[in-house]
Amino acid sequence: MTKSSRSSRVDGEVTRARILESAGRLFAKTGFAETTSKAIAAEAKVDLASINYHFGNRAGLYQNVLAEAHRRIISLDDLLKIAARDEPAETKLWSFFAILVDAAQAGRGWQSGVLAREVLSPSSNLQVLFTEEVQPKLAVILGILSEITAIPASDPALVRCLISTAAPCLMLLVASNGLPGPVSHVLTMPKQQLTSHLHSFALAGLKAIAHECSATDAL
């Protein structure tokens, strides 16, 4: 590869990253429907052709912004590393909560804002986010919950456990974008205390459901 081609590739990566960051800030502020490609181009100091070149169109850019936001809050690599640790599943669950509490309390800039808007007012792009980013991560978390409860990952009961475990974290991330009410006050708790509460509450529920399933299987 020549020096010129390497330089062009680096320049292209820098431009792509600048567009992504600029779009993230605008999507977080005004939402997908109200954010034009022209506004994004002006914010990123590029022409409209650059957006189409790197992302295809505005919808493609938005899907990339959603995926990047989700990865920055919790990446699949982070979850896989947690799952692979030689430690009790209960400790792995603690680590999962700690990452999300840290993300919610830190705010994570435009990332939490973009995801909060998409959760509160879903667009047609949500399915892409779920398929490409969320679903693989949920599979890892299901594995951890299965370790804790001894409920097979394919059992609908474990899916219900997953929803009950993840929902409070989702609310915290939404609240980190300035949502008023009691959830925003919870975010002011010390990180260790909040993580401990989520962990204890989830474990109690998981153990209760595990007991119910065990009793049912024994009949």
Protein backbone atom coordinates (compact mmCIF):
# COMPACT_ATOMS: atom_id res chain seq x y z
CA MET A 1 0.00 0.00 0.00
CA THR A 2 1.41 3.37 -1.00
CA LYS A 3 1.82 6.30 1.37
CA SER A 4 -0.87 8.18 -0.57
CA SER A 5 -3.43 5.37 -0.24
CA ARG A 6 -2.71 4.99 3.48
CA SER A 7 -3.18 8.71 3.96
CA SER A 8 -6.48 8.63 2.05
CA ARG A 9 -7.74 5.76 4.17
CA VAL A 10 -6.83 7.56 7.40
CA ASP A 11 -8.49 10.74 6.16
CA GLY A 12 -11.59 8.74 5.28
CA GLU A 13 -11.72 7.17 8.75
CA VAL A 14 -11.33 10.57 10.38
CA THR A 15 -14.12 12.02 8.24
CA ARG A 16 -16.39 9.07 8.98
CA ALA A 17 -15.78 9.42 12.73
CA ARG A 18 -16.45 13.16 12.61
CA ILE A 19 -19.74 12.62 10.79
CA LEU A 20 -20.74 9.96 13.31
CA GLU A 21 -19.99 12.19 16.30
CA SER A 22 -21.74 15.20 14.80
CA ALA A 23 -24.79 13.14 13.86
CA GLY A 24 -24.88 11.60 17.33
CA ARG A 25 -25.02 15.00 18.99
CA LEU A 26 -27.77 16.24 16.67
CA PHE A 27 -29.86 13.05 16.83
CA ALA A 28 -29.65 13.17 20.63
CA LYS A 29 -30.78 16.78 20.64
CA THR A 30 -33.57 16.80 18.03
CA GLY A 31 -34.27 13.15 17.15
CA PHE A 32 -34.10 11.26 13.88
CA ALA A 33 -37.18 12.79 12.25
CA GLU A 34 -36.13 16.39 12.93
CA THR A 35 -32.44 16.06 12.04
CA THR A 36 -31.63 16.68 8.39
CA SER A 37 -28.62 15.47 6.44
CA LYS A 38 -27.89 19.11 5.65
CA ALA A 39 -27.68 19.97 9.35
CA ILE A 40 -25.39 17.00 10.00
CA ALA A 41 -23.12 17.97 7.11
CA ALA A 42 -22.88 21.52 8.43
CA GLU A 43 -22.10 20.30 11.96
CA ALA A 44 -19.43 17.89 10.68
CA LYS A 45 -18.08 20.42 8.15
CA VAL A 46 -18.45 18.00 5.23
CA ASP A 47 -20.58 17.92 2.10
CA LEU A 48 -23.70 15.79 1.69
CA ALA A 49 -21.84 13.42 -0.62
CA SER A 50 -19.55 12.42 2.27
CA ILE A 51 -22.53 11.25 4.33
CA ASN A 52 -23.84 9.16 1.46
CA TYR A 53 -20.36 7.79 0.72
CA HIS A 54 -19.71 6.57 4.26
CA PHE A 55 -23.24 5.61 5.36
CA GLY A 56 -25.41 5.29 2.26
CA ASN A 57 -28.09 7.70 3.44
CA ARG A 58 -29.45 9.40 6.58
CA ALA A 59 -31.14 6.19 7.79
CA GLY A 60 -27.89 4.27 7.40
CA LEU A 61 -26.09 6.96 9.37
CA TYR A 62 -28.71 6.84 12.12
CA GLN A 63 -28.43 3.06 12.37
CA ASN A 64 -24.66 3.39 12.74
CA VAL A 65 -25.14 6.05 15.42
CA LEU A 66 -27.52 3.79 17.36
CA ALA A 67 -25.12 0.86 17.13
CA GLU A 68 -22.14 2.97 18.19
CA ALA A 69 -24.09 4.41 21.11
CA HIS A 70 -25.00 0.93 22.32
CA ARG A 71 -21.43 -0.33 21.95
CA ARG A 72 -20.02 2.59 23.93
CA ILE A 73 -22.39 1.93 26.80
CA ILE A 74 -21.78 -1.81 26.87
CA SER A 75 -19.86 -3.74 24.25
CA LEU A 76 -20.22 -7.37 23.30
CA ASP A 77 -16.50 -7.87 24.00
CA ASP A 78 -16.97 -6.60 27.57
CA LEU A 79 -19.86 -9.01 28.14
CA LEU A 80 -17.97 -11.96 26.65
CA LYS A 81 -15.00 -11.23 28.92
CA ILE A 82 -17.31 -11.15 31.94
CA ALA A 83 -18.98 -14.41 30.92
CA ALA A 84 -15.60 -16.12 30.42
CA ARG A 85 -14.27 -15.27 33.88
CA ASP A 86 -13.56 -18.06 36.32
CA GLU A 87 -15.91 -16.76 39.00
CA PRO A 88 -19.46 -17.39 40.27
CA ALA A 89 -22.26 -16.34 37.94
CA GLU A 90 -23.57 -14.05 40.69
CA THR A 91 -20.30 -12.10 40.51
CA LYS A 92 -20.58 -11.88 36.74
CA LEU A 93 -24.05 -10.39 37.15
CA TRP A 94 -22.60 -7.79 39.54
CA SER A 95 -20.06 -6.79 36.88
CA PHE A 96 -22.87 -6.39 34.34
CA PHE A 97 -24.77 -4.06 36.66
CA ALA A 98 -21.61 -2.12 37.50
CA ILE A 99 -20.99 -1.33 33.83
CA LEU A 100 -24.53 -0.09 33.28
CA VAL A 101 -24.64 1.94 36.50
CA ASP A 102 -21.35 3.57 35.53
CA ALA A 103 -22.77 4.38 32.07
CA ALA A 104 -25.99 5.80 33.48
CA GLN A 105 -24.27 7.95 36.10
CA ALA A 106 -21.65 9.21 33.66
CA GLY A 107 -24.31 10.20 31.14
CA ARG A 108 -22.08 9.10 28.25
CA GLY A 109 -22.77 12.26 26.24
CA TRP A 110 -24.94 11.86 23.17
CA GLN A 111 -24.99 8.07 23.44
CA SER A 112 -27.58 7.89 26.21
CA GLY A 113 -29.60 10.67 24.59
CA VAL A 114 -29.87 8.88 21.26
CA LEU A 115 -30.85 5.58 22.86
CA ALA A 116 -33.33 7.25 25.22
CA ARG A 117 -35.09 8.91 22.29
CA GLU A 118 -35.24 5.65 20.38
CA VAL A 119 -36.63 3.74 23.36
CA LEU A 120 -39.26 6.37 24.18
CA SER A 121 -40.25 6.93 20.54
CA PRO A 122 -39.16 3.90 18.50
CA SER A 123 -38.46 4.27 14.79
CA SER A 124 -38.24 1.62 12.08
CA ASN A 125 -34.49 1.52 12.76
CA LEU A 126 -34.93 -0.08 16.17
CA GLN A 127 -35.16 -3.56 14.66
CA VAL A 128 -31.73 -3.13 13.06
CA LEU A 129 -30.26 -2.10 16.41
CA PHE A 130 -31.86 -5.07 18.13
CA THR A 131 -30.67 -7.59 15.55
CA GLU A 132 -27.11 -6.33 15.19
CA GLU A 133 -26.25 -5.09 18.68
CA VAL A 134 -28.80 -6.00 21.34
CA GLN A 135 -29.62 -9.61 20.51
CA PRO A 136 -26.03 -10.97 20.70
CA LYS A 137 -25.56 -9.25 24.05
CA LEU A 138 -28.83 -10.59 25.42
CA ALA A 139 -27.67 -14.10 24.53
CA VAL A 140 -24.59 -13.64 26.75
CA ILE A 141 -26.66 -12.28 29.64
CA LEU A 142 -29.12 -15.15 29.27
CA GLY A 143 -26.19 -17.53 29.69
CA ILE A 144 -25.20 -15.84 32.96
CA LEU A 145 -28.80 -15.94 34.23
CA SER A 146 -29.01 -19.60 33.26
CA GLU A 147 -25.89 -20.28 35.35
CA ILE A 148 -27.50 -18.60 38.35
CA THR A 149 -30.93 -20.24 38.07
CA ALA A 150 -30.15 -23.57 36.35
CA ILE A 151 -33.04 -22.69 34.01
CA PRO A 152 -32.25 -23.54 30.36
CA ALA A 153 -31.68 -20.53 28.11
CA SER A 154 -34.49 -21.73 25.86
CA ASP A 155 -37.05 -21.69 28.68
CA PRO A 156 -39.53 -18.76 28.45
CA ALA A 157 -39.16 -18.35 32.22
CA LEU A 158 -35.55 -17.26 31.73
CA VAL A 159 -36.56 -14.70 29.11
CA ARG A 160 -38.95 -13.22 31.67
CA CYS A 161 -36.07 -13.14 34.14
CA LEU A 162 -33.96 -11.32 31.57
CA ILE A 163 -36.62 -8.63 31.11
CA SER A 164 -36.99 -8.16 34.87
CA THR A 165 -33.22 -7.93 35.28
CA ALA A 166 -32.54 -5.55 32.40
CA ALA A 167 -35.57 -3.22 32.70
CA PRO A 168 -34.29 -1.22 35.72
CA CYS A 169 -30.98 -0.66 33.91
CA LEU A 170 -32.81 0.61 30.85
CA MET A 171 -34.77 3.04 33.01
CA LEU A 172 -31.54 4.35 34.53
CA LEU A 173 -30.04 4.95 31.09
CA VAL A 174 -33.16 6.78 29.96
CA ALA A 175 -33.15 8.85 33.17
CA SER A 176 -29.52 9.80 32.60
CA ASN A 177 -30.73 11.90 29.69
CA GLY A 178 -32.57 14.23 32.05
CA LEU A 179 -35.86 12.39 32.58
CA PRO A 180 -37.50 13.95 35.65
CA GLY A 181 -38.88 11.89 38.52
CA PRO A 182 -37.69 9.43 41.13
CA VAL A 183 -35.41 7.51 38.77
CA SER A 184 -33.24 10.58 38.26
CA HIS A 185 -32.81 10.83 42.04
CA VAL A 186 -31.70 7.20 42.19
CA LEU A 187 -28.85 8.10 39.85
CA THR A 188 -27.38 10.33 42.56
CA MET A 189 -26.80 7.32 44.84
CA PRO A 190 -23.20 6.15 45.31
CA LYS A 191 -22.25 3.74 42.51
CA GLN A 192 -21.48 0.86 44.88
CA GLN A 193 -24.79 1.25 46.71
CA LEU A 194 -26.85 1.41 43.51
CA THR A 195 -25.05 -1.55 41.97
CA SER A 196 -25.54 -3.54 45.17
CA HIS A 197 -29.26 -2.76 45.20
CA LEU A 198 -29.81 -3.83 41.58
CA HIS A 199 -27.74 -6.96 42.16
CA SER A 200 -29.51 -7.99 45.39
CA PHE A 201 -32.96 -7.27 43.97
CA ALA A 202 -32.25 -9.25 40.80
CA LEU A 203 -30.74 -12.21 42.66
CA ALA A 204 -33.76 -12.44 44.96
CA GLY A 205 -36.10 -12.55 42.00
CA LEU A 206 -33.95 -15.01 40.08
CA LYS A 207 -33.73 -17.38 43.04
CA ALA A 208 -37.51 -17.18 43.56
CA ILE A 209 -38.20 -18.06 39.91
CA ALA A 210 -35.58 -20.82 40.02
CA HIS A 211 -37.36 -22.30 43.05
CA GLU A 212 -40.72 -22.15 41.27
CA CYS A 213 -39.33 -23.85 38.18
CA SER A 214 -37.63 -26.51 40.28
CA ALA A 215 -40.88 -27.22 42.14
CA THR A 216 -42.80 -27.45 38.86
CA ASP A 217 -40.26 -29.86 37.38
CA ALA A 218 -40.54 -32.07 40.47
CA LEU A 219 -44.30 -32.57 39.98
